[in-house]
């Protein structure tokens, strides 16, 4: 295996599904990297748009693999299995990279050679590559930082330690260490930012193919149970969000929360000997997620399921705070009343 002090052989895996309008832009940002890559692999997950036509016109420096639609987890796993490099970077096909991303990550891995992966902060961008309002940095990509009123770098330094990284004689802001416990509070690793040691990825089993949403959260936490991380705090990728796209509807929220519960339980099981503080963080995460799931189920007019979630939160050590009591009380209202309250709330938000 090549050590991080030697030039890294990096394979870039770009999973795509019906993103024909963006795939060439993603590939361009890989080719524009200041650090050379060994190969670019595009995994077309059964696209039905013009993706096949566009990728067929690419030169031979890009390997294109096609599979029947099986989800992004299967596409990423296939790309890693086919990769020839010792290190693998992921880039979602509608996202972009800063030209220095891989060079800075290589410098970070040289500074902390014992780690198996590197991630970075990023910005949220629109279809014209413009940074969205409130879209800068980790809090832009992961709004939960604002909800818990945490400054991202200060939050991460509760678990990770500053490390000295230089690139072209310039300092690069980086922190490193065991990210496992921190990921119970929130996920701050985006797939388009990561660079993995390929053998460690394969040994982990890769992404869970059964998960179609929150699959990245599950994998990163499970991977962190066994491998330390180095994190670059500068924004080195652009996470694209199109107008009208939203994750706030219940058809997305409920599976995401359910998969996040699977994630925290699986991560704890992957940890060889969890500490008392890690177990406490796991219980707190379960309580938060079960309360969110209770509210989402109530929004879906499933009050009995909402009450079941609250009881599970209580069994995990949750207290009956004002929010929990409010959700519990609302779960006993007749469904027509709940429907009217939700309609009123939506109207107030739109006014």
Protein backbone atom coordinates (compact mmCIF):
# COMPACT_ATOMS: atom_id res chain seq x y z
CA UNK A 1 0.00 0.00 0.00
CA UNK A 2 1.30 3.44 -0.91
CA UNK A 3 1.85 5.70 2.10
CA UNK A 4 0.37 9.24 2.17
CA UNK A 5 3.95 10.62 2.09
CA UNK A 6 4.26 9.26 -1.47
CA UNK A 7 2.18 10.60 -4.37
CA UNK A 8 -1.34 9.27 -3.99
CA UNK A 9 -2.90 7.19 -6.74
CA UNK A 10 -6.43 8.56 -6.61
CA UNK A 11 -9.41 7.10 -8.42
CA UNK A 12 -12.39 9.46 -8.68
CA UNK A 13 -15.80 7.78 -8.65
CA UNK A 14 -18.74 9.80 -9.97
CA UNK A 15 -22.11 8.06 -9.48
CA UNK A 16 -24.88 9.53 -11.60
CA UNK A 17 -28.58 9.09 -12.26
CA UNK A 18 -30.42 11.40 -14.67
CA UNK A 19 -27.96 14.26 -14.26
CA UNK A 20 -27.03 14.69 -17.92
CA UNK A 21 -27.00 18.47 -17.61
CA UNK A 22 -24.32 18.37 -14.88
CA UNK A 23 -22.10 15.36 -15.53
CA UNK A 24 -19.67 17.18 -17.83
CA UNK A 25 -19.29 20.00 -15.32
CA UNK A 26 -18.42 17.50 -12.59
CA UNK A 27 -15.83 15.81 -14.79
CA UNK A 28 -14.35 19.20 -15.73
CA UNK A 29 -13.75 20.07 -12.06
CA UNK A 30 -11.87 16.78 -11.63
CA UNK A 31 -9.71 17.48 -14.67
CA UNK A 32 -9.02 20.99 -13.34
CA UNK A 33 -7.49 19.63 -10.12
CA UNK A 34 -4.00 20.82 -9.23
CA UNK A 35 -3.29 17.27 -8.06
CA UNK A 36 -3.30 14.60 -10.79
CA UNK A 37 -5.77 11.74 -10.59
CA UNK A 38 -5.09 8.18 -11.72
CA UNK A 39 -8.52 7.72 -13.29
CA UNK A 40 -12.10 8.99 -13.47
CA UNK A 41 -14.88 6.42 -13.21
CA UNK A 42 -18.48 7.36 -13.99
CA UNK A 43 -21.07 4.85 -12.77
CA UNK A 44 -24.36 5.39 -14.58
CA UNK A 45 -27.08 4.01 -12.30
CA UNK A 46 -29.61 3.24 -15.02
CA UNK A 47 -30.22 6.81 -16.22
CA UNK A 48 -33.16 7.36 -18.56
CA UNK A 49 -32.16 10.85 -19.78
CA UNK A 50 -29.29 11.77 -22.13
CA UNK A 51 -26.56 10.55 -19.76
CA UNK A 52 -25.64 7.52 -21.90
CA UNK A 53 -25.35 9.65 -25.05
CA UNK A 54 -23.22 12.30 -23.32
CA UNK A 55 -20.89 9.85 -21.56
CA UNK A 56 -20.48 7.85 -24.77
CA UNK A 57 -18.91 10.96 -26.30
CA UNK A 58 -16.27 11.33 -23.57
CA UNK A 59 -12.65 10.51 -24.32
CA UNK A 60 -11.00 7.34 -23.08
CA UNK A 61 -9.59 9.00 -19.98
CA UNK A 62 -13.04 8.50 -18.42
CA UNK A 63 -14.20 4.96 -17.70
CA UNK A 64 -17.97 4.65 -17.90
CA UNK A 65 -19.71 1.74 -16.18
CA UNK A 66 -23.43 1.20 -16.55
CA UNK A 67 -25.70 -0.75 -14.24
CA UNK A 68 -29.47 -1.20 -13.88
CA UNK A 69 -30.87 1.31 -11.39
CA UNK A 70 -29.89 0.09 -7.93
CA UNK A 71 -29.31 3.33 -6.01
CA UNK A 72 -26.32 5.51 -5.22
CA UNK A 73 -24.96 3.07 -2.61
CA UNK A 74 -24.63 0.31 -5.20
CA UNK A 75 -23.16 2.76 -7.73
CA UNK A 76 -20.48 3.99 -5.33
CA UNK A 77 -19.62 0.45 -4.21
CA UNK A 78 -19.26 -0.71 -7.81
CA UNK A 79 -17.02 2.25 -8.61
CA UNK A 80 -14.71 1.47 -5.70
CA UNK A 81 -14.53 -2.22 -6.60
CA UNK A 82 -13.55 -1.27 -10.17
CA UNK A 83 -11.04 1.39 -9.08
CA UNK A 84 -7.32 0.87 -9.61
CA UNK A 85 -6.05 3.56 -7.27
CA UNK A 86 -5.01 3.14 -3.64
CA UNK A 87 -7.26 6.07 -2.69
CA UNK A 88 -10.78 6.84 -3.85
CA UNK A 89 -12.61 10.17 -3.94
CA UNK A 90 -16.35 10.51 -4.49
CA UNK A 91 -18.00 13.32 -6.42
CA UNK A 92 -21.77 13.40 -6.91
CA UNK A 93 -22.50 14.20 -10.53
CA UNK A 94 -24.27 17.51 -9.83
CA UNK A 95 -21.57 18.82 -7.46
CA UNK A 96 -18.23 20.51 -8.17
CA UNK A 97 -14.76 20.69 -6.65
CA UNK A 98 -12.43 23.58 -5.86
CA UNK A 99 -9.27 23.17 -8.00
CA UNK A 100 -7.10 22.73 -4.87
CA UNK A 101 -9.31 20.12 -3.18
CA UNK A 102 -7.26 17.00 -3.84
CA UNK A 103 -3.93 18.79 -3.42
CA UNK A 104 -4.94 20.05 0.01
CA UNK A 105 -6.28 16.65 0.98
CA UNK A 106 -3.04 14.97 -0.10
CA UNK A 107 -1.12 17.46 2.05
CA UNK A 108 -3.39 16.71 5.01
CA UNK A 109 -2.91 12.95 4.62
CA UNK A 110 0.86 13.45 4.45
CA UNK A 111 0.67 15.38 7.73
CA UNK A 112 -1.47 12.73 9.44
CA UNK A 113 -0.50 9.47 7.69
CA UNK A 114 -2.23 7.21 10.20
CA UNK A 115 -5.75 8.23 9.16
CA UNK A 116 -7.76 6.37 6.51
CA UNK A 117 -9.90 9.21 5.23
CA UNK A 118 -10.07 12.95 4.70
CA UNK A 119 -13.12 15.20 4.34
CA UNK A 120 -13.64 18.93 3.80
CA UNK A 121 -16.15 21.69 4.29
CA UNK A 122 -18.10 23.01 1.31
CA UNK A 123 -20.61 25.59 0.09
CA UNK A 124 -24.18 25.16 -1.10
CA UNK A 125 -24.55 26.41 -4.67
CA UNK A 126 -27.38 26.93 -7.17
CA UNK A 127 -27.67 25.80 -10.79
CA UNK A 128 -25.39 28.68 -11.84
CA UNK A 129 -22.62 27.80 -9.36
CA UNK A 130 -23.53 30.79 -7.17
CA UNK A 131 -23.30 30.31 -3.40
CA UNK A 132 -26.79 30.45 -1.93
CA UNK A 133 -27.76 32.89 0.85
CA UNK A 134 -26.68 31.25 4.12
CA UNK A 135 -24.97 28.62 1.99
CA UNK A 136 -21.37 29.20 2.98
CA UNK A 137 -19.37 26.59 4.82
CA UNK A 138 -20.47 23.64 6.89
CA UNK A 139 -23.50 25.43 8.31
CA UNK A 140 -24.66 26.06 4.75
CA UNK A 141 -24.40 22.42 3.75
CA UNK A 142 -25.58 21.09 7.14
CA UNK A 143 -28.14 23.57 8.57
CA UNK A 144 -28.36 21.61 11.83
CA UNK A 145 -25.28 23.57 12.93
CA UNK A 146 -27.51 26.66 13.01
CA UNK A 147 -30.34 24.82 14.72
CA UNK A 148 -28.10 23.76 17.60
CA UNK A 149 -26.42 27.20 17.52
CA UNK A 150 -22.96 25.72 17.07
CA UNK A 151 -20.07 27.32 15.21
CA UNK A 152 -18.82 24.40 13.10
CA UNK A 153 -15.07 24.63 13.74
CA UNK A 154 -15.55 25.16 17.48
CA UNK A 155 -17.97 22.23 17.56
CA UNK A 156 -15.51 19.90 15.83
CA UNK A 157 -12.65 20.92 18.10
CA UNK A 158 -14.50 19.37 21.02
CA UNK A 159 -13.33 16.03 19.60
CA UNK A 160 -10.70 16.81 16.94
CA UNK A 161 -7.32 18.51 17.33
CA UNK A 162 -5.63 21.12 15.14
CA UNK A 163 -2.86 19.74 12.95
CA UNK A 164 -0.16 21.54 10.99
CA UNK A 165 -0.72 21.15 7.24
CA UNK A 166 1.09 23.09 4.54
CA UNK A 167 0.67 23.12 0.79
CA UNK A 168 2.96 25.15 -1.48
CA UNK A 169 4.45 26.67 1.69
CA UNK A 170 1.01 27.97 2.72
CA UNK A 171 -0.80 26.82 5.89
CA UNK A 172 -4.00 24.83 5.48
CA UNK A 173 -6.53 24.77 8.33
CA UNK A 174 -7.08 21.15 9.39
CA UNK A 175 -8.22 19.17 12.41
CA UNK A 176 -7.88 15.47 13.03
CA UNK A 177 -8.79 12.67 15.39
CA UNK A 178 -11.56 10.28 16.35
CA UNK A 179 -14.81 11.61 14.86
CA UNK A 180 -16.97 8.74 16.09
CA UNK A 181 -18.65 10.37 19.09
CA UNK A 182 -19.23 13.70 17.35
CA UNK A 183 -21.19 12.04 14.55
CA UNK A 184 -23.91 11.06 17.02
CA UNK A 185 -24.75 14.76 17.33
CA UNK A 186 -24.84 15.47 13.59
CA UNK A 187 -23.29 14.35 10.34
CA UNK A 188 -20.89 16.92 8.89
CA UNK A 189 -19.29 14.79 6.16
CA UNK A 190 -20.58 15.11 2.61
CA UNK A 191 -19.92 12.39 0.05
CA UNK A 192 -18.49 14.88 -2.48
CA UNK A 193 -15.81 15.86 0.03
CA UNK A 194 -14.35 12.52 1.03
CA UNK A 195 -11.12 10.80 0.08
CA UNK A 196 -10.77 7.20 1.36
CA UNK A 197 -8.08 4.61 1.51
CA UNK A 198 -9.53 1.99 -0.82
CA UNK A 199 -8.55 -1.07 1.21
CA UNK A 200 -10.17 0.37 4.34
CA UNK A 201 -13.35 1.12 2.39
CA UNK A 202 -13.54 -2.43 1.04
CA UNK A 203 -12.87 -3.92 4.49
CA UNK A 204 -15.77 -1.87 5.89
CA UNK A 205 -18.23 -3.46 3.48
CA UNK A 206 -19.00 -0.19 1.71
CA UNK A 207 -22.35 1.56 1.59
CA UNK A 208 -25.50 -0.27 2.63
CA UNK A 209 -27.30 -1.06 -0.65
CA UNK A 210 -30.64 -1.36 1.15
CA UNK A 211 -30.63 2.36 2.01
CA UNK A 212 -31.82 4.79 -0.66
CA UNK A 213 -31.66 7.88 1.59
CA UNK A 214 -29.21 8.81 4.40
CA UNK A 215 -26.91 6.07 3.12
CA UNK A 216 -23.92 8.39 3.44
CA UNK A 217 -24.67 9.21 7.10
CA UNK A 218 -24.84 5.50 7.90
CA UNK A 219 -21.57 4.67 6.15
CA UNK A 220 -19.52 7.59 7.46
CA UNK A 221 -20.48 6.85 11.06
CA UNK A 222 -19.78 3.13 10.70
CA UNK A 223 -16.44 3.90 9.04
CA UNK A 224 -15.56 6.39 11.80
CA UNK A 225 -16.04 3.62 14.37
CA UNK A 226 -12.78 2.09 13.11
CA UNK A 227 -10.82 4.87 11.41
CA UNK A 228 -9.65 8.34 12.44
CA UNK A 229 -10.37 11.36 10.24
CA UNK A 230 -8.53 14.47 9.09
CA UNK A 231 -10.87 17.32 8.20
CA UNK A 232 -10.12 20.47 6.20
CA UNK A 233 -12.23 23.38 7.46
CA UNK A 234 -12.07 25.39 4.22
CA UNK A 235 -14.88 24.98 1.68
CA UNK A 236 -13.44 22.84 -1.12
CA UNK A 237 -16.57 21.57 -2.88
CA UNK A 238 -19.89 22.93 -4.07
CA UNK A 239 -23.07 21.08 -3.10
CA UNK A 240 -25.67 21.90 -5.71
CA UNK A 241 -29.28 22.55 -4.69
CA UNK A 242 -31.73 23.40 -7.45
CA UNK A 243 -34.67 25.78 -6.95
CA UNK A 244 -37.69 23.89 -5.74
CA UNK A 245 -35.62 21.01 -4.36
CA UNK A 246 -36.41 20.31 -0.76
CA UNK A 247 -35.79 17.63 1.82
CA UNK A 248 -38.38 19.01 4.19
CA UNK A 249 -41.34 17.00 2.95
CA UNK A 250 -42.36 13.94 4.94
CA UNK A 251 -41.87 11.54 2.02
CA UNK A 252 -38.17 12.24 2.42
CA UNK A 253 -37.98 13.10 6.12
CA UNK A 254 -39.50 9.89 7.50
CA UNK A 255 -37.14 7.49 5.64
CA UNK A 256 -34.19 9.73 6.43
CA UNK A 257 -34.90 9.70 10.15
CA UNK A 258 -35.63 5.97 10.14
CA UNK A 259 -32.33 5.32 8.36
CA UNK A 260 -30.52 7.66 10.75
CA UNK A 261 -31.79 5.51 13.62
CA UNK A 262 -30.40 2.48 11.82
CA UNK A 263 -27.17 4.43 11.40
CA UNK A 264 -26.58 5.25 15.05
CA UNK A 265 -27.39 1.71 16.15
CA UNK A 266 -25.12 0.22 13.49
CA UNK A 267 -22.31 2.60 14.35
CA UNK A 268 -22.41 1.67 18.01
CA UNK A 269 -22.32 -2.02 17.08
CA UNK A 270 -19.28 -1.38 14.85
CA UNK A 271 -17.33 0.18 17.72
CA UNK A 272 -15.24 -2.51 19.38
CA UNK A 273 -15.44 -1.05 22.90
CA UNK A 274 -17.69 2.04 23.15
CA UNK A 275 -16.84 4.37 26.02
CA UNK A 276 -19.41 5.59 28.52
CA UNK A 277 -19.53 8.99 26.83
CA UNK A 278 -20.02 7.35 23.42
CA UNK A 279 -22.90 5.28 24.76
CA UNK A 280 -24.40 8.43 26.27
CA UNK A 281 -24.05 10.20 22.90
CA UNK A 282 -25.76 7.23 21.21
CA UNK A 283 -28.71 7.36 23.63
CA UNK A 284 -29.06 11.11 23.18
CA UNK A 285 -29.02 10.67 19.39
CA UNK A 286 -31.75 8.04 19.56
CA UNK A 287 -33.93 10.33 21.68
CA UNK A 288 -33.51 13.27 19.28
CA UNK A 289 -34.24 11.14 16.23
CA UNK A 290 -37.26 9.42 17.76
CA UNK A 291 -38.75 12.81 18.69
CA UNK A 292 -38.21 14.07 15.14
CA UNK A 293 -39.75 10.88 13.79
CA UNK A 294 -42.75 11.31 16.11
CA UNK A 295 -43.37 14.81 14.76
CA UNK A 296 -42.95 13.63 11.15
CA UNK A 297 -45.39 10.77 11.69
CA UNK A 298 -47.86 13.18 13.28
CA UNK A 299 -47.54 15.38 10.19
CA UNK A 300 -48.39 12.31 8.12
CA UNK A 301 -51.55 11.92 10.23
CA UNK A 302 -50.31 8.76 11.92
CA UNK A 303 -50.84 9.68 15.60
CA UNK A 304 -50.52 6.14 16.92
CA UNK A 305 -47.07 5.79 15.31
CA UNK A 306 -46.12 9.20 16.74
CA UNK A 307 -47.00 8.03 20.27
CA UNK A 308 -45.00 4.83 19.73
CA UNK A 309 -41.94 6.89 18.79
CA UNK A 310 -42.31 9.03 21.90
CA UNK A 311 -42.54 5.96 24.11
CA UNK A 312 -39.39 4.58 22.48
CA UNK A 313 -37.65 7.91 23.13
CA UNK A 314 -38.68 7.68 26.77
CA UNK A 315 -37.32 4.13 26.96
CA UNK A 316 -34.01 5.44 25.58
CA UNK A 317 -33.77 7.90 28.45
CA UNK A 318 -35.61 10.91 27.04
CA UNK A 319 -37.35 13.34 29.34
CA UNK A 320 -40.93 14.59 28.96
CA UNK A 321 -40.02 18.14 27.97
CA UNK A 322 -42.46 20.71 26.59
CA UNK A 323 -41.95 19.69 22.96
CA UNK A 324 -42.50 16.01 23.71
CA UNK A 325 -45.62 16.70 25.74
CA UNK A 326 -47.00 18.93 22.97
CA UNK A 327 -46.51 16.20 20.34
CA UNK A 328 -48.03 13.62 22.67
CA UNK A 329 -51.08 15.81 23.35
CA UNK A 330 -51.56 16.53 19.65
CA UNK A 331 -51.45 12.80 18.89
CA UNK A 332 -54.77 12.38 20.71
CA UNK A 333 -56.57 14.94 18.54
CA UNK A 334 -59.00 13.63 15.90
CA UNK A 335 -57.40 13.24 12.49
CA UNK A 336 -59.65 15.91 10.85
CA UNK A 337 -58.48 18.40 13.48
CA UNK A 338 -54.84 17.47 12.86
CA UNK A 339 -55.36 17.89 9.12
CA UNK A 340 -56.80 21.36 9.67
CA UNK A 341 -53.93 22.39 11.96
CA UNK A 342 -51.35 21.26 9.41
CA UNK A 343 -53.13 23.17 6.64
CA UNK A 344 -53.17 26.29 8.82
CA UNK A 345 -49.46 25.92 9.57
CA UNK A 346 -48.62 25.59 5.87
CA UNK A 347 -50.69 28.65 5.05
CA UNK A 348 -48.92 30.69 7.73
CA UNK A 349 -45.51 29.67 6.36
CA UNK A 350 -46.45 30.70 2.83
CA UNK A 351 -47.91 34.07 3.85
